[in-house]
PDB file of N, CA and C in Angstrom:
ATOM      1  N   UNK A   1     -94.376 152.720  43.669  1.00  0.00           N
ATOM      2  CA  UNK A   1     -94.319 152.746  42.218  1.00  0.00           C
ATOM      3  C   UNK A   1     -95.402 151.844  41.611  1.00  0.00           C
ATOM      4  N   UNK A   2     -95.603 150.654  42.191  1.00  0.00           N
ATOM      5  CA  UNK A   2     -96.628 149.766  41.661  1.00  0.00           C
ATOM      6  C   UNK A   2     -98.017 150.359  41.827  1.00  0.00           C
ATOM      7  N   UNK A   3     -98.211 151.082  42.933  1.00  0.00           N
ATOM      8  CA  UNK A   3     -99.512 151.719  43.172  1.00  0.00           C
ATOM      9  C   UNK A   3     -99.788 152.785  42.113  1.00  0.00           C
ATOM     10  N   UNK A   4     -98.783 153.534  41.733  1.00  0.00           N
ATOM     11  CA  UNK A   4     -98.949 154.578  40.712  1.00  0.00           C
ATOM     12  C   UNK A   4     -99.293 153.955  39.360  1.00  0.00           C
ATOM     13  N   UNK A   5     -98.615 152.871  39.004  1.00  0.00           N
ATOM     14  CA  UNK A   5     -98.892 152.188  37.735  1.00  0.00           C
ATOM     15  C   UNK A   5    -100.302 151.606  37.743  1.00  0.00           C
ATOM     16  N   UNK A   6    -100.702 151.005  38.859  1.00  0.00           N
ATOM     17  CA  UNK A   6    -102.042 150.432  38.978  1.00  0.00           C
ATOM     18  C   UNK A   6    -103.111 151.509  38.862  1.00  0.00           C
ATOM     19  N   UNK A   7    -102.895 152.629  39.529  1.00  0.00           N
ATOM     20  CA  UNK A   7    -103.863 153.727  39.454  1.00  0.00           C
ATOM     21  C   UNK A   7    -103.937 154.311  38.040  1.00  0.00           C
ATOM     22  N   UNK A   8    -102.804 154.378  37.353  1.00  0.00           N
ATOM     23  CA  UNK A   8    -102.793 154.859  35.973  1.00  0.00           C
ATOM     24  C   UNK A   8    -103.584 153.926  35.058  1.00  0.00           C
ATOM     25  N   UNK A   9    -103.400 152.630  35.209  1.00  0.00           N
ATOM     26  CA  UNK A   9    -104.130 151.659  34.391  1.00  0.00           C
ATOM     27  C   UNK A   9    -105.629 151.731  34.668  1.00  0.00           C
ATOM     28  N   UNK A  10    -105.996 151.840  35.940  1.00  0.00           N
ATOM     29  CA  UNK A  10    -107.418 151.940  36.299  1.00  0.00           C
ATOM     30  C   UNK A  10    -108.018 153.240  35.756  1.00  0.00           C
ATOM     31  N   UNK A  11    -107.272 154.335  35.836  1.00  0.00           N
ATOM     32  CA  UNK A  11    -107.761 155.619  35.314  1.00  0.00           C
ATOM     33  C   UNK A  11    -107.941 155.564  33.800  1.00  0.00           C
ATOM     34  N   UNK A  12    -107.004 154.929  33.093  1.00  0.00           N
ATOM     35  CA  UNK A  12    -107.134 154.798  31.637  1.00  0.00           C
ATOM     36  C   UNK A  12    -108.333 153.929  31.258  1.00  0.00           C
ATOM     37  N   UNK A  13    -108.543 152.849  32.004  1.00  0.00           N
ATOM     38  CA  UNK A  13    -109.692 151.982  31.733  1.00  0.00           C
ATOM     39  C   UNK A  13    -111.001 152.735  31.984  1.00  0.00           C
ATOM     40  N   UNK A  14    -111.049 153.513  33.051  1.00  0.00           N
ATOM     41  CA  UNK A  14    -112.252 154.303  33.345  1.00  0.00           C
ATOM     42  C   UNK A  14    -112.488 155.353  32.261  1.00  0.00           C
ATOM     43  N   UNK A  15    -111.419 155.939  31.737  1.00  0.00           N
ATOM     44  CA  UNK A  15    -111.554 156.927  30.668  1.00  0.00           C
ATOM     45  C   UNK A  15    -112.102 156.283  29.393  1.00  0.00           C
ATOM     46  N   UNK A  16    -111.650 155.073  29.083  1.00  0.00           N
ATOM     47  CA  UNK A  16    -112.148 154.371  27.895  1.00  0.00           C
ATOM     48  C   UNK A  16    -113.635 154.059  28.051  1.00  0.00           C
ATOM     49  N   UNK A  17    -114.032 153.572  29.206  1.00  0.00           N
ATOM     50  CA  UNK A  17    -115.445 153.259  29.451  1.00  0.00           C
ATOM     51  C   UNK A  17    -116.292 154.527  29.385  1.00  0.00           C
ATOM     52  N   UNK A  18    -115.797 155.608  29.970  1.00  0.00           N
ATOM     53  CA  UNK A  18    -116.538 156.870  29.943  1.00  0.00           C
ATOM     54  C   UNK A  18    -116.680 157.395  28.520  1.00  0.00           C
ATOM     55  N   UNK A  19    -115.622 157.298  27.720  1.00  0.00           N
ATOM     56  CA  UNK A  19    -115.670 157.777  26.332  1.00  0.00           C
ATOM     57  C   UNK A  19    -116.657 156.962  25.504  1.00  0.00           C
ATOM     58  N   UNK A  20    -116.629 155.642  25.668  1.00  0.00           N
ATOM     59  CA  UNK A  20    -117.570 154.791  24.919  1.00  0.00           C
ATOM     60  C   UNK A  20    -119.008 155.061  25.333  1.00  0.00           C
ATOM     61  N   UNK A  21    -119.226 155.272  26.627  1.00  0.00           N
ATOM     62  CA  UNK A  21    -120.577 155.582  27.105  1.00  0.00           C
ATOM     63  C   UNK A  21    -121.043 156.918  26.548  1.00  0.00           C
ATOM     64  N   UNK A  22    -120.163 157.906  26.550  1.00  0.00           N
ATOM     65  CA  UNK A  22    -120.494 159.230  26.020  1.00  0.00           C
ATOM     66  C   UNK A  22    -120.877 159.140  24.545  1.00  0.00           C
ATOM     67  N   UNK A  23    -120.081 158.417  23.764  1.00  0.00           N
ATOM     68  CA  UNK A  23    -120.360 158.302  22.325  1.00  0.00           C
ATOM     69  C   UNK A  23    -121.637 157.508  22.068  1.00  0.00           C
ATOM     70  N   UNK A  24    -121.924 156.512  22.906  1.00  0.00           N
ATOM     71  CA  UNK A  24    -123.130 155.712  22.729  1.00  0.00           C
ATOM     72  C   UNK A  24    -124.373 156.559  22.932  1.00  0.00           C
ATOM     73  N   UNK A  25    -124.374 157.364  23.978  1.00  0.00           N
ATOM     74  CA  UNK A  25    -125.559 158.133  24.307  1.00  0.00           C
ATOM     75  C   UNK A  25    -125.665 159.427  23.505  1.00  0.00           C
ATOM     76  N   UNK A  26    -124.585 159.920  22.943  1.00  0.00           N
ATOM     77  CA  UNK A  26    -124.641 161.177  22.211  1.00  0.00           C
ATOM     78  C   UNK A  26    -124.646 160.991  20.696  1.00  0.00           C
ATOM     79  N   UNK A  27    -124.614 159.764  20.204  1.00  0.00           N
ATOM     80  CA  UNK A  27    -124.754 159.519  18.770  1.00  0.00           C
ATOM     81  C   UNK A  27    -126.082 158.849  18.462  1.00  0.00           C
ATOM     82  N   UNK A  28    -126.939 158.731  19.425  1.00  0.00           N
ATOM     83  CA  UNK A  28    -128.237 158.128  19.210  1.00  0.00           C
ATOM     84  C   UNK A  28    -128.248 156.629  19.413  1.00  0.00           C
ATOM     85  N   UNK A  29    -127.111 156.005  19.658  1.00  0.00           N
ATOM     86  CA  UNK A  29    -127.040 154.574  19.896  1.00  0.00           C
ATOM     87  C   UNK A  29    -127.368 153.739  18.679  1.00  0.00           C
ATOM     88  N   UNK A  30    -127.172 154.283  17.494  1.00  0.00           N
ATOM     89  CA  UNK A  30    -127.480 153.549  16.264  1.00  0.00           C
ATOM     90  C   UNK A  30    -126.341 152.607  15.915  1.00  0.00           C
ATOM     91  N   UNK A  31    -126.698 151.495  15.289  1.00  0.00           N
ATOM     92  CA  UNK A  31    -125.682 150.541  14.847  1.00  0.00           C
ATOM     93  C   UNK A  31    -125.000 151.082  13.604  1.00  0.00           C
ATOM     94  N   UNK A  32    -123.825 150.629  13.349  1.00  0.00           N
ATOM     95  CA  UNK A  32    -123.082 151.068  12.175  1.00  0.00           C
ATOM     96  C   UNK A  32    -121.616 151.183  12.515  1.00  0.00           C
ATOM     97  N   UNK A  33    -120.972 152.122  11.895  1.00  0.00           N
ATOM     98  CA  UNK A  33    -119.533 152.264  12.094  1.00  0.00           C
ATOM     99  C   UNK A  33    -119.187 152.969  13.387  1.00  0.00           C
ATOM    100  N   UNK A  34    -120.133 153.617  14.028  1.00  0.00           N
ATOM    101  CA  UNK A  34    -119.874 154.256  15.299  1.00  0.00           C
ATOM    102  C   UNK A  34    -119.723 155.749  15.219  1.00  0.00           C
ATOM    103  N   UNK A  35    -119.676 156.313  14.014  1.00  0.00           N
ATOM    104  CA  UNK A  35    -119.514 157.754  13.910  1.00  0.00           C
ATOM    105  C   UNK A  35    -120.821 158.492  14.122  1.00  0.00           C
ATOM    106  N   UNK A  36    -121.941 157.821  13.931  1.00  0.00           N
ATOM    107  CA  UNK A  36    -123.236 158.447  14.153  1.00  0.00           C
ATOM    108  C   UNK A  36    -123.722 159.295  13.001  1.00  0.00           C
ATOM    109  N   UNK A  37    -123.076 159.214  11.827  1.00  0.00           N
ATOM    110  CA  UNK A  37    -123.484 160.058  10.708  1.00  0.00           C
ATOM    111  C   UNK A  37    -124.732 159.518  10.017  1.00  0.00           C
ATOM    112  N   UNK A  38    -125.011 158.232  10.147  1.00  0.00           N
ATOM    113  CA  UNK A  38    -126.206 157.640   9.564  1.00  0.00           C
ATOM    114  C   UNK A  38    -126.074 157.243   8.109  1.00  0.00           C
ATOM    115  N   UNK A  39    -124.885 157.375   7.515  1.00  0.00           N
ATOM    116  CA  UNK A  39    -124.737 157.035   6.104  1.00  0.00           C
ATOM    117  C   UNK A  39    -124.266 155.604   5.880  1.00  0.00           C
ATOM    118  N   UNK A  40    -123.967 154.872   6.932  1.00  0.00           N
ATOM    119  CA  UNK A  40    -123.504 153.492   6.796  1.00  0.00           C
ATOM    120  C   UNK A  40    -124.686 152.549   6.557  1.00  0.00           C
ATOM    121  N   UNK A  41    -124.545 151.597   5.640  1.00  0.00           N
ATOM    122  CA  UNK A  41    -125.617 150.631   5.442  1.00  0.00           C
ATOM    123  C   UNK A  41    -125.651 149.569   6.527  1.00  0.00           C
ATOM    124  N   UNK A  42    -124.717 149.615   7.487  1.00  0.00           N
ATOM    125  CA  UNK A  42    -124.640 148.589   8.514  1.00  0.00           C
ATOM    126  C   UNK A  42    -125.697 148.769   9.589  1.00  0.00           C
ATOM    127  N   UNK A  43    -126.527 149.769   9.487  1.00  0.00           N
ATOM    128  CA  UNK A  43    -127.538 150.033  10.493  1.00  0.00           C
ATOM    129  C   UNK A  43    -128.717 149.087  10.421  1.00  0.00           C
ATOM    130  N   UNK A  44    -128.693 148.116   9.545  1.00  0.00           N
ATOM    131  CA  UNK A  44    -129.759 147.141   9.450  1.00  0.00           C
ATOM    132  C   UNK A  44    -130.875 147.574   8.512  1.00  0.00           C
ATOM    133  N   UNK A  45    -130.572 148.459   7.600  1.00  0.00           N
ATOM    134  CA  UNK A  45    -131.587 148.911   6.654  1.00  0.00           C
ATOM    135  C   UNK A  45    -131.977 147.761   5.740  1.00  0.00           C
ATOM    136  N   UNK A  46    -133.266 147.520   5.610  1.00  0.00           N
ATOM    137  CA  UNK A  46    -133.728 146.387   4.810  1.00  0.00           C
ATOM    138  C   UNK A  46    -133.756 146.715   3.320  1.00  0.00           C
ATOM    139  N   UNK A  47    -133.819 147.992   2.976  1.00  0.00           N
ATOM    140  CA  UNK A  47    -133.866 148.351   1.570  1.00  0.00           C
ATOM    141  C   UNK A  47    -132.493 148.782   1.055  1.00  0.00           C
ATOM    142  N   UNK A  48    -131.447 148.288   1.672  1.00  0.00           N
ATOM    143  CA  UNK A  48    -130.096 148.614   1.274  1.00  0.00           C
ATOM    144  C   UNK A  48    -129.796 147.998  -0.086  1.00  0.00           C
ATOM    145  N   UNK A  49    -129.069 148.719  -0.931  1.00  0.00           N
ATOM    146  CA  UNK A  49    -128.762 148.234  -2.270  1.00  0.00           C
ATOM    147  C   UNK A  49    -127.326 147.746  -2.366  1.00  0.00           C
ATOM    148  N   UNK A  50    -126.801 147.258  -1.267  1.00  0.00           N
ATOM    149  CA  UNK A  50    -125.446 146.727  -1.250  1.00  0.00           C
ATOM    150  C   UNK A  50    -125.495 145.294  -1.765  1.00  0.00           C
ATOM    151  N   UNK A  51    -124.628 144.982  -2.723  1.00  0.00           N
ATOM    152  CA  UNK A  51    -124.606 143.648  -3.309  1.00  0.00           C
ATOM    153  C   UNK A  51    -123.862 142.658  -2.434  1.00  0.00           C
ATOM    154  N   UNK A  52    -123.843 141.393  -2.896  1.00  0.00           N
ATOM    155  CA  UNK A  52    -123.130 140.352  -2.177  1.00  0.00           C
ATOM    156  C   UNK A  52    -121.631 140.580  -2.356  1.00  0.00           C
ATOM    157  N   UNK A  53    -120.901 140.608  -1.260  1.00  0.00           N
ATOM    158  CA  UNK A  53    -119.478 140.887  -1.318  1.00  0.00           C
ATOM    159  C   UNK A  53    -118.625 139.636  -1.429  1.00  0.00           C
ATOM    160  N   UNK A  54    -119.093 138.537  -0.852  1.00  0.00           N
ATOM    161  CA  UNK A  54    -118.294 137.322  -0.836  1.00  0.00           C
ATOM    162  C   UNK A  54    -119.157 136.160  -1.294  1.00  0.00           C
ATOM    163  N   UNK A  55    -118.632 135.360  -2.192  1.00  0.00           N
ATOM    164  CA  UNK A  55    -119.326 134.168  -2.623  1.00  0.00           C
ATOM    165  C   UNK A  55    -118.875 133.010  -1.753  1.00  0.00           C
ATOM    166  N   UNK A  56    -119.820 132.269  -1.230  1.00  0.00           N
ATOM    167  CA  UNK A  56    -119.492 131.158  -0.349  1.00  0.00           C
ATOM    168  C   UNK A  56    -119.452 129.819  -1.080  1.00  0.00           C
ATOM    169  N   UNK A  57    -119.646 129.828  -2.372  1.00  0.00           N
ATOM    170  CA  UNK A  57    -119.623 128.598  -3.148  1.00  0.00           C
ATOM    171  C   UNK A  57    -118.186 128.161  -3.371  1.00  0.00           C
ATOM    172  N   UNK A  58    -117.958 126.849  -3.264  1.00  0.00           N
ATOM    173  CA  UNK A  58    -116.632 126.306  -3.508  1.00  0.00           C
ATOM    174  C   UNK A  58    -116.576 125.739  -4.915  1.00  0.00           C
ATOM    175  N   UNK A  59    -115.507 126.042  -5.622  1.00  0.00           N
ATOM    176  CA  UNK A  59    -115.361 125.488  -6.957  1.00  0.00           C
ATOM    177  C   UNK A  59    -114.860 124.048  -6.856  1.00  0.00           C
ATOM    178  N   UNK A  60    -115.255 123.202  -7.782  1.00  0.00           N
ATOM    179  CA  UNK A  60    -114.802 121.806  -7.730  1.00  0.00           C
ATOM    180  C   UNK A  60    -113.295 121.723  -7.943  1.00  0.00           C
ATOM    181  N   UNK A  61    -112.677 120.756  -7.276  1.00  0.00           N
ATOM    182  CA  UNK A  61    -111.240 120.582  -7.408  1.00  0.00           C
ATOM    183  C   UNK A  61    -110.896 119.977  -8.756  1.00  0.00           C
ATOM    184  N   UNK A  62    -109.811 120.430  -9.340  1.00  0.00           N
ATOM    185  CA  UNK A  62    -109.364 119.896 -10.631  1.00  0.00           C
ATOM    186  C   UNK A  62    -108.650 118.576 -10.390  1.00  0.00           C
ATOM    187  N   UNK A  63    -108.904 117.613 -11.251  1.00  0.00           N
ATOM    188  CA  UNK A  63    -108.219 116.315 -11.157  1.00  0.00           C
ATOM    189  C   UNK A  63    -106.930 116.399 -11.952  1.00  0.00           C
ATOM    190  N   UNK A  64    -105.909 115.779 -11.411  1.00  0.00           N
ATOM    191  CA  UNK A  64    -104.609 115.782 -12.102  1.00  0.00           C
ATOM    192  C   UNK A  64    -104.392 114.551 -12.912  1.00  0.00           C
TER     193      UNK A  64
END
């Protein structure tokens, strides 16, 4: 029984690796969301018009 469970886990892990490899090589290997459609700005486009999403400035603490 333990051998069957071990073989199942190894087979599932191999399937995950094979699927990721397949998607990497068949989507052009571009960065982004992983779908390969090319519409994501996450591909490192320098002329992207996406604004700043998070402000890192801290507001001063109010005195009581």
